[in-house]
PDB file of N, CA and C in Angstrom:
ATOM      1  N   ALA A   1      92.501  98.041  83.418  1.00  0.00           N
ATOM      2  CA  ALA A   1      91.351  98.494  84.183  1.00  0.00           C
ATOM      3  C   ALA A   1      91.068  99.970  83.886  1.00  0.00           C
ATOM      4  N   LEU A   2      92.141 100.747  83.778  1.00  0.00           N
ATOM      5  CA  LEU A   2      91.968 102.178  83.499  1.00  0.00           C
ATOM      6  C   LEU A   2      91.337 102.400  82.131  1.00  0.00           C
ATOM      7  N   THR A   3      91.811 101.697  81.126  1.00  0.00           N
ATOM      8  CA  THR A   3      91.241 101.870  79.786  1.00  0.00           C
ATOM      9  C   THR A   3      89.802 101.367  79.737  1.00  0.00           C
ATOM     10  N   TYR A   4      89.493 100.316  80.491  1.00  0.00           N
ATOM     11  CA  TYR A   4      88.116  99.834  80.552  1.00  0.00           C
ATOM     12  C   TYR A   4      87.213 100.894  81.170  1.00  0.00           C
ATOM     13  N   CYS A   5      87.655 101.500  82.258  1.00  0.00           N
ATOM     14  CA  CYS A   5      86.859 102.539  82.919  1.00  0.00           C
ATOM     15  C   CYS A   5      86.640 103.738  82.000  1.00  0.00           C
ATOM     16  N   LEU A   6      87.673 104.151  81.296  1.00  0.00           N
ATOM     17  CA  LEU A   6      87.526 105.272  80.365  1.00  0.00           C
ATOM     18  C   LEU A   6      86.551 104.927  79.240  1.00  0.00           C
ATOM     19  N   THR A   7      86.660 103.729  78.713  1.00  0.00           N
ATOM     20  CA  THR A   7      85.756 103.299  77.642  1.00  0.00           C
ATOM     21  C   THR A   7      84.321 103.238  78.153  1.00  0.00           C
ATOM     22  N   TYR A   8      84.132 102.684  79.338  1.00  0.00           N
ATOM     23  CA  TYR A   8      82.790 102.583  79.931  1.00  0.00           C
ATOM     24  C   TYR A   8      82.202 103.972  80.152  1.00  0.00           C
ATOM     25  N   ALA A   9      83.001 104.881  80.690  1.00  0.00           N
ATOM     26  CA  ALA A   9      82.534 106.251  80.931  1.00  0.00           C
ATOM     27  C   ALA A   9      82.172 106.939  79.623  1.00  0.00           C
ATOM     28  N   LYS A  10      83.016 106.775  78.630  1.00  0.00           N
ATOM     29  CA  LYS A  10      82.773 107.411  77.333  1.00  0.00           C
ATOM     30  C   LYS A  10      81.452 106.937  76.730  1.00  0.00           C
ATOM     31  N   GLU A  11      81.180 105.658  76.834  1.00  0.00           N
ATOM     32  CA  GLU A  11      79.963 105.098  76.247  1.00  0.00           C
ATOM     33  C   GLU A  11      78.708 105.457  77.039  1.00  0.00           C
ATOM     34  N   ASN A  12      78.856 105.785  78.308  1.00  0.00           N
ATOM     35  CA  ASN A  12      77.677 106.013  79.142  1.00  0.00           C
ATOM     36  C   ASN A  12      77.393 107.476  79.463  1.00  0.00           C
ATOM     37  N   ILE A  13      78.230 108.383  78.999  1.00  0.00           N
ATOM     38  CA  ILE A  13      77.937 109.812  79.165  1.00  0.00           C
ATOM     39  C   ILE A  13      77.207 110.258  77.906  1.00  0.00           C
ATOM     40  N   LYS A  14      75.975 110.704  78.079  1.00  0.00           N
ATOM     41  CA  LYS A  14      75.119 110.995  76.931  1.00  0.00           C
ATOM     42  C   LYS A  14      75.398 112.337  76.276  1.00  0.00           C
ATOM     43  N   ASP A  15      75.957 113.292  76.979  1.00  0.00           N
ATOM     44  CA  ASP A  15      76.105 114.647  76.460  1.00  0.00           C
ATOM     45  C   ASP A  15      77.426 114.901  75.740  1.00  0.00           C
ATOM     46  N   LEU A  16      78.192 113.855  75.431  1.00  0.00           N
ATOM     47  CA  LEU A  16      79.467 114.047  74.749  1.00  0.00           C
ATOM     48  C   LEU A  16      79.255 114.167  73.247  1.00  0.00           C
ATOM     49  N   SER A  17      79.937 115.117  72.640  1.00  0.00           N
ATOM     50  CA  SER A  17      79.855 115.253  71.188  1.00  0.00           C
ATOM     51  C   SER A  17      80.685 114.152  70.523  1.00  0.00           C
ATOM     52  N   ALA A  18      80.468 113.948  69.243  1.00  0.00           N
ATOM     53  CA  ALA A  18      81.213 112.940  68.486  1.00  0.00           C
ATOM     54  C   ALA A  18      82.702 113.256  68.471  1.00  0.00           C
ATOM     55  N   THR A  19      83.044 114.535  68.417  1.00  0.00           N
ATOM     56  CA  THR A  19      84.447 114.942  68.406  1.00  0.00           C
ATOM     57  C   THR A  19      85.139 114.552  69.708  1.00  0.00           C
ATOM     58  N   ILE A  20      84.473 114.791  70.814  1.00  0.00           N
ATOM     59  CA  ILE A  20      85.054 114.441  72.121  1.00  0.00           C
ATOM     60  C   ILE A  20      85.160 112.924  72.245  1.00  0.00           C
ATOM     61  N   LYS A  21      84.151 112.200  71.766  1.00  0.00           N
ATOM     62  CA  LYS A  21      84.213 110.734  71.826  1.00  0.00           C
ATOM     63  C   LYS A  21      85.371 110.210  70.972  1.00  0.00           C
ATOM     64  N   ASN A  22      85.584 110.790  69.795  1.00  0.00           N
ATOM     65  CA  ASN A  22      86.718 110.383  68.955  1.00  0.00           C
ATOM     66  C   ASN A  22      88.043 110.692  69.630  1.00  0.00           C
ATOM     67  N   ALA A  23      88.142 111.850  70.273  1.00  0.00           N
ATOM     68  CA  ALA A  23      89.365 112.210  70.995  1.00  0.00           C
ATOM     69  C   ALA A  23      89.607 111.230  72.135  1.00  0.00           C
ATOM     70  N   LEU A  24      88.550 110.871  72.853  1.00  0.00           N
ATOM     71  CA  LEU A  24      88.695 109.898  73.944  1.00  0.00           C
ATOM     72  C   LEU A  24      89.109 108.530  73.410  1.00  0.00           C
ATOM     73  N   ASP A  25      88.598 108.156  72.244  1.00  0.00           N
ATOM     74  CA  ASP A  25      89.027 106.888  71.639  1.00  0.00           C
ATOM     75  C   ASP A  25      90.536 106.885  71.409  1.00  0.00           C
ATOM     76  N   TRP A  26      91.061 107.974  70.857  1.00  0.00           N
ATOM     77  CA  TRP A  26      92.507 108.064  70.614  1.00  0.00           C
ATOM     78  C   TRP A  26      93.289 108.083  71.918  1.00  0.00           C
ATOM     79  N   ILE A  27      92.783 108.760  72.916  1.00  0.00           N
ATOM     80  CA  ILE A  27      93.455 108.781  74.225  1.00  0.00           C
ATOM     81  C   ILE A  27      93.506 107.364  74.797  1.00  0.00           C
ATOM     82  N   ILE A  28      92.419 106.645  74.693  1.00  0.00           N
ATOM     83  CA  ILE A  28      92.363 105.271  75.204  1.00  0.00           C
ATOM     84  C   ILE A  28      93.347 104.377  74.452  1.00  0.00           C
ATOM     85  N   ILE A  29      93.401 104.511  73.130  1.00  0.00           N
ATOM     86  CA  ILE A  29      94.328 103.700  72.327  1.00  0.00           C
ATOM     87  C   ILE A  29      95.773 104.002  72.706  1.00  0.00           C
ATOM     88  N   ILE A  30      96.125 105.283  72.780  1.00  0.00           N
ATOM     89  CA  ILE A  30      97.495 105.675  73.113  1.00  0.00           C
ATOM     90  C   ILE A  30      97.844 105.256  74.532  1.00  0.00           C
ATOM     91  N   LEU A  31      96.927 105.465  75.466  1.00  0.00           N
ATOM     92  CA  LEU A  31      97.160 105.080  76.858  1.00  0.00           C
ATOM     93  C   LEU A  31      97.368 103.574  76.975  1.00  0.00           C
ATOM     94  N   SER A  32      96.552 102.800  76.277  1.00  0.00           N
ATOM     95  CA  SER A  32      96.697 101.337  76.301  1.00  0.00           C
ATOM     96  C   SER A  32      98.055 100.920  75.751  1.00  0.00           C
ATOM     97  N   PHE A  33      98.470 101.532  74.650  1.00  0.00           N
ATOM     98  CA  PHE A  33      99.760 101.221  74.040  1.00  0.00           C
ATOM     99  C   PHE A  33     100.906 101.538  75.000  1.00  0.00           C
ATOM    100  N   VAL A  34     100.870 102.711  75.621  1.00  0.00           N
ATOM    101  CA  VAL A  34     101.932 103.122  76.547  1.00  0.00           C
ATOM    102  C   VAL A  34     101.977 102.200  77.762  1.00  0.00           C
ATOM    103  N   ILE A  35     100.807 101.872  78.292  1.00  0.00           N
ATOM    104  CA  ILE A  35     100.770 100.977  79.459  1.00  0.00           C
ATOM    105  C   ILE A  35     101.371  99.626  79.098  1.00  0.00           C
ATOM    106  N   CYS A  36     100.971  99.068  77.956  1.00  0.00           N
ATOM    107  CA  CYS A  36     101.505  97.760  77.541  1.00  0.00           C
ATOM    108  C   CYS A  36     103.003  97.833  77.271  1.00  0.00           C
ATOM    109  N   LEU A  37     103.434  98.927  76.678  1.00  0.00           N
ATOM    110  CA  LEU A  37     104.840  99.062  76.323  1.00  0.00           C
ATOM    111  C   LEU A  37     105.736  99.194  77.552  1.00  0.00           C
ATOM    112  N   PHE A  38     105.224  99.809  78.626  1.00  0.00           N
ATOM    113  CA  PHE A  38     106.055 100.038  79.807  1.00  0.00           C
ATOM    114  C   PHE A  38     105.739  99.135  80.997  1.00  0.00           C
ATOM    115  N   TYR A  39     104.526  98.641  81.120  1.00  0.00           N
ATOM    116  CA  TYR A  39     104.148  97.786  82.248  1.00  0.00           C
ATOM    117  C   TYR A  39     105.052  96.560  82.339  1.00  0.00           C
ATOM    118  N   PHE A  40     105.161  95.840  81.240  1.00  0.00           N
ATOM    119  CA  PHE A  40     105.944  94.605  81.242  1.00  0.00           C
ATOM    120  C   PHE A  40     107.427  94.856  81.534  1.00  0.00           C
ATOM    121  N   PRO A  41     108.080  95.799  80.850  1.00  0.00           N
ATOM    122  CA  PRO A  41     109.497  96.034  81.145  1.00  0.00           C
ATOM    123  C   PRO A  41     109.760  96.495  82.573  1.00  0.00           C
ATOM    124  N   ILE A  42     108.892  97.335  83.114  1.00  0.00           N
ATOM    125  CA  ILE A  42     109.105  97.816  84.488  1.00  0.00           C
ATOM    126  C   ILE A  42     109.048  96.652  85.467  1.00  0.00           C
ATOM    127  N   TYR A  43     108.015  95.835  85.371  1.00  0.00           N
ATOM    128  CA  TYR A  43     107.892  94.708  86.299  1.00  0.00           C
ATOM    129  C   TYR A  43     108.946  93.635  86.049  1.00  0.00           C
ATOM    130  N   GLU A  44     109.230  93.344  84.779  1.00  0.00           N
ATOM    131  CA  GLU A  44     110.196  92.289  84.486  1.00  0.00           C
ATOM    132  C   GLU A  44     111.613  92.693  84.863  1.00  0.00           C
ATOM    133  N   SER A  45     111.924  93.994  84.839  1.00  0.00           N
ATOM    134  CA  SER A  45     113.276  94.423  85.196  1.00  0.00           C
ATOM    135  C   SER A  45     113.436  94.642  86.698  1.00  0.00           C
ATOM    136  N   THR A  46     112.352  94.902  87.412  1.00  0.00           N
ATOM    137  CA  THR A  46     112.470  95.128  88.857  1.00  0.00           C
ATOM    138  C   THR A  46     112.179  93.873  89.670  1.00  0.00           C
ATOM    139  N   LYS A  47     111.233  93.080  89.240  1.00  0.00           N
ATOM    140  CA  LYS A  47     110.848  91.890  89.994  1.00  0.00           C
ATOM    141  C   LYS A  47     111.064  90.594  89.223  1.00  0.00           C
ATOM    142  N   GLY A  48     111.314  90.714  87.911  1.00  0.00           N
ATOM    143  CA  GLY A  48     111.495  89.530  87.085  1.00  0.00           C
ATOM    144  C   GLY A  48     110.180  88.942  86.601  1.00  0.00           C
ATOM    145  N   LYS A  49     109.075  89.531  87.055  1.00  0.00           N
ATOM    146  CA  LYS A  49     107.779  88.971  86.696  1.00  0.00           C
ATOM    147  C   LYS A  49     106.684  90.024  86.772  1.00  0.00           C
ATOM    148  N   THR A  50     105.652  89.817  85.975  1.00  0.00           N
ATOM    149  CA  THR A  50     104.458  90.647  86.029  1.00  0.00           C
ATOM    150  C   THR A  50     103.475  89.980  86.991  1.00  0.00           C
ATOM    151  N   ILE A  51     102.333  90.584  87.170  1.00  0.00           N
ATOM    152  CA  ILE A  51     101.333  89.988  88.062  1.00  0.00           C
ATOM    153  C   ILE A  51     100.889  88.623  87.519  1.00  0.00           C
ATOM    154  N   GLY A  52     100.706  88.526  86.207  1.00  0.00           N
ATOM    155  CA  GLY A  52     100.316  87.251  85.609  1.00  0.00           C
ATOM    156  C   GLY A  52     101.385  86.182  85.757  1.00  0.00           C
ATOM    157  N   LYS A  53     102.641  86.561  85.550  1.00  0.00           N
ATOM    158  CA  LYS A  53     103.740  85.604  85.708  1.00  0.00           C
ATOM    159  C   LYS A  53     103.861  85.169  87.172  1.00  0.00           C
ATOM    160  N   LYS A  54     103.616  86.099  88.101  1.00  0.00           N
ATOM    161  CA  LYS A  54     103.669  85.750  89.521  1.00  0.00           C
ATOM    162  C   LYS A  54     102.595  84.716  89.847  1.00  0.00           C
ATOM    163  N   THR A  55     101.419  84.895  89.273  1.00  0.00           N
ATOM    164  CA  THR A  55     100.328  83.947  89.476  1.00  0.00           C
ATOM    165  C   THR A  55     100.700  82.557  88.968  1.00  0.00           C
ATOM    166  N   LEU A  56     101.410  82.513  87.846  1.00  0.00           N
ATOM    167  CA  LEU A  56     101.818  81.236  87.254  1.00  0.00           C
ATOM    168  C   LEU A  56     103.149  80.719  87.796  1.00  0.00           C
ATOM    169  N   HIS A  57     103.760  81.490  88.711  1.00  0.00           N
ATOM    170  CA  HIS A  57     105.046  81.128  89.324  1.00  0.00           C
ATOM    171  C   HIS A  57     106.157  80.968  88.291  1.00  0.00           C
ATOM    172  N   VAL A  58     106.216  81.909  87.339  1.00  0.00           N
ATOM    173  CA  VAL A  58     107.306  81.956  86.373  1.00  0.00           C
ATOM    174  C   VAL A  58     107.890  83.362  86.374  1.00  0.00           C
ATOM    175  N   LYS A  59     109.122  83.491  85.910  1.00  0.00           N
ATOM    176  CA  LYS A  59     109.745  84.809  85.803  1.00  0.00           C
ATOM    177  C   LYS A  59     110.744  84.821  84.657  1.00  0.00           C
ATOM    178  N   ILE A  60     111.136  86.033  84.271  1.00  0.00           N
ATOM    179  CA  ILE A  60     112.093  86.239  83.184  1.00  0.00           C
ATOM    180  C   ILE A  60     113.478  86.418  83.780  1.00  0.00           C
ATOM    181  N   THR A  61     114.454  85.707  83.220  1.00  0.00           N
ATOM    182  CA  THR A  61     115.851  85.902  83.615  1.00  0.00           C
ATOM    183  C   THR A  61     116.713  85.850  82.356  1.00  0.00           C
ATOM    184  N   ASP A  62     117.985  86.206  82.540  1.00  0.00           N
ATOM    185  CA  ASP A  62     118.907  85.970  81.425  1.00  0.00           C
ATOM    186  C   ASP A  62     119.284  84.487  81.467  1.00  0.00           C
ATOM    187  N   LEU A  63     120.126  84.053  80.578  1.00  0.00           N
ATOM    188  CA  LEU A  63     120.459  82.626  80.504  1.00  0.00           C
ATOM    189  C   LEU A  63     121.234  82.131  81.720  1.00  0.00           C
ATOM    190  N   ASP A  64     121.813  83.076  82.495  1.00  0.00           N
ATOM    191  CA  ASP A  64     122.543  82.700  83.708  1.00  0.00           C
ATOM    192  C   ASP A  64     121.669  82.740  84.956  1.00  0.00           C
ATOM    193  N   GLY A  65     120.381  83.067  84.794  1.00  0.00           N
ATOM    194  CA  GLY A  65     119.465  83.118  85.932  1.00  0.00           C
ATOM    195  C   GLY A  65     119.423  84.463  86.632  1.00  0.00           C
ATOM    196  N   LYS A  66     120.070  85.487  86.062  1.00  0.00           N
ATOM    197  CA  LYS A  66     120.081  86.816  86.669  1.00  0.00           C
ATOM    198  C   LYS A  66     118.941  87.657  86.106  1.00  0.00           C
ATOM    199  N   GLU A  67     118.461  88.615  86.924  1.00  0.00           N
ATOM    200  CA  GLU A  67     117.409  89.507  86.456  1.00  0.00           C
ATOM    201  C   GLU A  67     117.927  90.374  85.313  1.00  0.00           C
ATOM    202  N   ILE A  68     117.017  90.737  84.415  1.00  0.00           N
ATOM    203  CA  ILE A  68     117.399  91.589  83.292  1.00  0.00           C
ATOM    204  C   ILE A  68     117.117  93.045  83.643  1.00  0.00           C
ATOM    205  N   ASN A  69     117.826  93.955  82.988  1.00  0.00           N
ATOM    206  CA  ASN A  69     117.623  95.379  83.257  1.00  0.00           C
ATOM    207  C   ASN A  69     116.461  95.925  82.430  1.00  0.00           C
ATOM    208  N   PHE A  70     116.090  97.181  82.696  1.00  0.00           N
ATOM    209  CA  PHE A  70     114.939  97.787  82.035  1.00  0.00           C
ATOM    210  C   PHE A  70     115.115  97.838  80.519  1.00  0.00           C
ATOM    211  N   GLN A  71     116.287  98.247  80.077  1.00  0.00           N
ATOM    212  CA  GLN A  71     116.525  98.376  78.637  1.00  0.00           C
ATOM    213  C   GLN A  71     116.307  97.035  77.927  1.00  0.00           C
ATOM    214  N   ARG A  72     116.831  96.001  78.505  1.00  0.00           N
ATOM    215  CA  ARG A  72     116.694  94.670  77.916  1.00  0.00           C
ATOM    216  C   ARG A  72     115.236  94.205  77.938  1.00  0.00           C
ATOM    217  N   ALA A  73     114.545  94.480  79.039  1.00  0.00           N
ATOM    218  CA  ALA A  73     113.130  94.106  79.143  1.00  0.00           C
ATOM    219  C   ALA A  73     112.285  94.911  78.156  1.00  0.00           C
ATOM    220  N   PHE A  74     112.638  96.178  77.965  1.00  0.00           N
ATOM    221  CA  PHE A  74     111.902  97.037  77.036  1.00  0.00           C
ATOM    222  C   PHE A  74     112.060  96.545  75.601  1.00  0.00           C
ATOM    223  N   ILE A  75     113.283  96.246  75.217  1.00  0.00           N
ATOM    224  CA  ILE A  75     113.528  95.748  73.857  1.00  0.00           C
ATOM    225  C   ILE A  75     112.841  94.400  73.664  1.00  0.00           C
ATOM    226  N   ARG A  76     112.885  93.552  74.690  1.00  0.00           N
ATOM    227  CA  ARG A  76     112.214  92.247  74.629  1.00  0.00           C
ATOM    228  C   ARG A  76     110.720  92.433  74.402  1.00  0.00           C
ATOM    229  N   GLN A  77     110.128  93.386  75.090  1.00  0.00           N
ATOM    230  CA  GLN A  77     108.700  93.660  74.917  1.00  0.00           C
ATOM    231  C   GLN A  77     108.410  94.168  73.512  1.00  0.00           C
ATOM    232  N   PHE A  78     109.262  95.050  73.018  1.00  0.00           N
ATOM    233  CA  PHE A  78     109.087  95.586  71.673  1.00  0.00           C
ATOM    234  C   PHE A  78     109.187  94.475  70.632  1.00  0.00           C
ATOM    235  N   LEU A  79     110.056  93.493  70.877  1.00  0.00           N
ATOM    236  CA  LEU A  79     110.231  92.378  69.944  1.00  0.00           C
ATOM    237  C   LEU A  79     109.025  91.443  69.914  1.00  0.00           C
ATOM    238  N   MET A  80     108.101  91.630  70.840  1.00  0.00           N
ATOM    239  CA  MET A  80     106.876  90.826  70.841  1.00  0.00           C
ATOM    240  C   MET A  80     106.156  90.986  69.502  1.00  0.00           C
ATOM    241  N   ILE A  81     106.268  92.165  68.903  1.00  0.00           N
ATOM    242  CA  ILE A  81     105.641  92.409  67.595  1.00  0.00           C
ATOM    243  C   ILE A  81     106.185  91.424  66.567  1.00  0.00           C
ATOM    244  N   ILE A  82     107.490  91.224  66.579  1.00  0.00           N
ATOM    245  CA  ILE A  82     108.115  90.276  65.644  1.00  0.00           C
ATOM    246  C   ILE A  82     107.653  88.859  65.955  1.00  0.00           C
ATOM    247  N   ASP A  83     107.561  88.534  67.233  1.00  0.00           N
ATOM    248  CA  ASP A  83     107.082  87.206  67.624  1.00  0.00           C
ATOM    249  C   ASP A  83     105.686  86.942  67.075  1.00  0.00           C
ATOM    250  N   ILE A  84     104.829  87.923  67.157  1.00  0.00           N
ATOM    251  CA  ILE A  84     103.454  87.745  66.698  1.00  0.00           C
ATOM    252  C   ILE A  84     103.395  87.654  65.174  1.00  0.00           C
ATOM    253  N   ILE A  85     104.070  88.567  64.495  1.00  0.00           N
ATOM    254  CA  ILE A  85     104.026  88.602  63.031  1.00  0.00           C
ATOM    255  C   ILE A  85     104.642  87.344  62.416  1.00  0.00           C
ATOM    256  N   ASN A  86     105.774  86.901  62.954  1.00  0.00           N
ATOM    257  CA  ASN A  86     106.494  85.751  62.386  1.00  0.00           C
ATOM    258  C   ASN A  86     106.200  84.431  63.087  1.00  0.00           C
ATOM    259  N   PHE A  87     105.202  84.417  63.943  1.00  0.00           N
ATOM    260  CA  PHE A  87     104.877  83.218  64.713  1.00  0.00           C
ATOM    261  C   PHE A  87     106.093  82.697  65.474  1.00  0.00           C
ATOM    262  N   GLY A  88     106.900  83.642  66.003  1.00  0.00           N
ATOM    263  CA  GLY A  88     108.109  83.286  66.743  1.00  0.00           C
ATOM    264  C   GLY A  88     107.842  82.508  68.010  1.00  0.00           C
ATOM    265  N   PHE A  89     106.623  82.632  68.528  1.00  0.00           N
ATOM    266  CA  PHE A  89     106.259  81.889  69.732  1.00  0.00           C
ATOM    267  C   PHE A  89     106.224  80.383  69.471  1.00  0.00           C
ATOM    268  N   LEU A  90     106.117  79.982  68.208  1.00  0.00           N
ATOM    269  CA  LEU A  90     106.114  78.556  67.881  1.00  0.00           C
ATOM    270  C   LEU A  90     107.471  77.907  68.112  1.00  0.00           C
ATOM    271  N   LEU A  91     108.521  78.729  68.232  1.00  0.00           N
ATOM    272  CA  LEU A  91     109.858  78.182  68.514  1.00  0.00           C
ATOM    273  C   LEU A  91     109.909  77.470  69.856  1.00  0.00           C
ATOM    274  N   THR A  92     108.979  77.778  70.748  1.00  0.00           N
ATOM    275  CA  THR A  92     108.984  77.120  72.056  1.00  0.00           C
ATOM    276  C   THR A  92     108.857  75.611  71.928  1.00  0.00           C
ATOM    277  N   PHE A  93     108.301  75.150  70.823  1.00  0.00           N
ATOM    278  CA  PHE A  93     108.131  73.716  70.614  1.00  0.00           C
ATOM    279  C   PHE A  93     109.333  73.069  69.948  1.00  0.00           C
ATOM    280  N   THR A  94     110.336  73.881  69.565  1.00  0.00           N
ATOM    281  CA  THR A  94     111.458  73.335  68.793  1.00  0.00           C
ATOM    282  C   THR A  94     112.802  73.399  69.508  1.00  0.00           C
ATOM    283  N   ASN A  95     112.849  73.928  70.730  1.00  0.00           N
ATOM    284  CA  ASN A  95     114.140  73.999  71.413  1.00  0.00           C
ATOM    285  C   ASN A  95     114.009  73.592  72.874  1.00  0.00           C
ATOM    286  N   LYS A  96     115.094  73.126  73.441  1.00  0.00           N
ATOM    287  CA  LYS A  96     115.087  72.596  74.805  1.00  0.00           C
ATOM    288  C   LYS A  96     114.723  73.635  75.853  1.00  0.00           C
ATOM    289  N   LYS A  97     115.152  74.878  75.648  1.00  0.00           N
ATOM    290  CA  LYS A  97     114.890  75.932  76.631  1.00  0.00           C
ATOM    291  C   LYS A  97     113.509  76.556  76.463  1.00  0.00           C
ATOM    292  N   ARG A  98     112.789  76.133  75.417  1.00  0.00           N
ATOM    293  CA  ARG A  98     111.434  76.601  75.133  1.00  0.00           C
ATOM    294  C   ARG A  98     111.373  78.128  75.005  1.00  0.00           C
ATOM    295  N   GLN A  99     112.363  78.682  74.293  1.00  0.00           N
ATOM    296  CA  GLN A  99     112.441  80.123  74.075  1.00  0.00           C
ATOM    297  C   GLN A  99     111.666  80.537  72.834  1.00  0.00           C
ATOM    298  N   THR A 100     111.047  81.702  72.909  1.00  0.00           N
ATOM    299  CA  THR A 100     110.434  82.294  71.733  1.00  0.00           C
ATOM    300  C   THR A 100     111.532  83.011  70.948  1.00  0.00           C
ATOM    301  N   LEU A 101     111.171  83.551  69.800  1.00  0.00           N
ATOM    302  CA  LEU A 101     112.148  84.282  68.993  1.00  0.00           C
ATOM    303  C   LEU A 101     112.709  85.470  69.769  1.00  0.00           C
ATOM    304  N   LYS A 102     111.848  86.207  70.461  1.00  0.00           N
ATOM    305  CA  LYS A 102     112.324  87.370  71.219  1.00  0.00           C
ATOM    306  C   LYS A 102     113.257  86.944  72.352  1.00  0.00           C
ATOM    307  N   ASP A 103     112.998  85.793  72.959  1.00  0.00           N
ATOM    308  CA  ASP A 103     113.887  85.293  74.009  1.00  0.00           C
ATOM    309  C   ASP A 103     115.234  84.870  73.448  1.00  0.00           C
ATOM    310  N   LYS A 104     115.236  84.269  72.280  1.00  0.00           N
ATOM    311  CA  LYS A 104     116.505  83.888  71.647  1.00  0.00           C
ATOM    312  C   LYS A 104     117.329  85.128  71.298  1.00  0.00           C
ATOM    313  N   ILE A 105     116.665  86.152  70.745  1.00  0.00           N
ATOM    314  CA  ILE A 105     117.360  87.388  70.381  1.00  0.00           C
ATOM    315  C   ILE A 105     117.923  88.077  71.626  1.00  0.00           C
ATOM    316  N   MET A 106     117.125  88.158  72.687  1.00  0.00           N
ATOM    317  CA  MET A 106     117.539  88.888  73.900  1.00  0.00           C
ATOM    318  C   MET A 106     118.305  88.004  74.882  1.00  0.00           C
ATOM    319  N   LYS A 107     118.439  86.726  74.564  1.00  0.00           N
ATOM    320  CA  LYS A 107     119.138  85.778  75.435  1.00  0.00           C
ATOM    321  C   LYS A 107     118.515  85.763  76.821  1.00  0.00           C
ATOM    322  N   THR A 108     117.183  85.606  76.831  1.00  0.00           N
ATOM    323  CA  THR A 108     116.418  85.504  78.073  1.00  0.00           C
ATOM    324  C   THR A 108     115.662  84.191  78.052  1.00  0.00           C
ATOM    325  N   ILE A 109     115.108  83.865  79.227  1.00  0.00           N
ATOM    326  CA  ILE A 109     114.358  82.624  79.353  1.00  0.00           C
ATOM    327  C   ILE A 109     113.290  82.811  80.422  1.00  0.00           C
ATOM    328  N   VAL A 110     112.184  82.125  80.272  1.00  0.00           N
ATOM    329  CA  VAL A 110     111.124  82.121  81.276  1.00  0.00           C
ATOM    330  C   VAL A 110     111.314  80.864  82.096  1.00  0.00           C
ATOM    331  N   ILE A 111     111.441  81.032  83.430  1.00  0.00           N
ATOM    332  CA  ILE A 111     111.713  79.884  84.298  1.00  0.00           C
ATOM    333  C   ILE A 111     110.662  79.798  85.394  1.00  0.00           C
ATOM    334  N   ASP A 112     110.494  78.600  85.929  1.00  0.00           N
ATOM    335  CA  ASP A 112     109.648  78.392  87.121  1.00  0.00           C
ATOM    336  C   ASP A 112     110.437  78.873  88.338  1.00  0.00           C
ATOM    337  N   TYR A 113     109.747  79.368  89.321  1.00  0.00           N
ATOM    338  CA  TYR A 113     110.422  79.734  90.579  1.00  0.00           C
ATOM    339  C   TYR A 113     109.685  79.204  91.758  1.00  0.00           C
TER     340      TYR A 113
END
């Protein structure tokens, strides 16, 4: 929502120079990256779920059903890049626990609650 508001404001303020608009573009990109990089680990390590996961009634746990810590959630989020590049999410169709590549590496699982 914050990045959307910044983008909307940037596009609708007429007196901004091209340099300021380019700087705002970079701020929006960096802010979006930081939010994505930290939003998921913070929520997954403190509550086991993000707002979207709460809506779907699923959460992240380790293989024993315990909540994961911030470091583990952060690395899991970072490994999402590998999941996307290598189509690691397709592993959910090949194993009983329906784990992605990042879940197999971090020994985590998404469960219903």
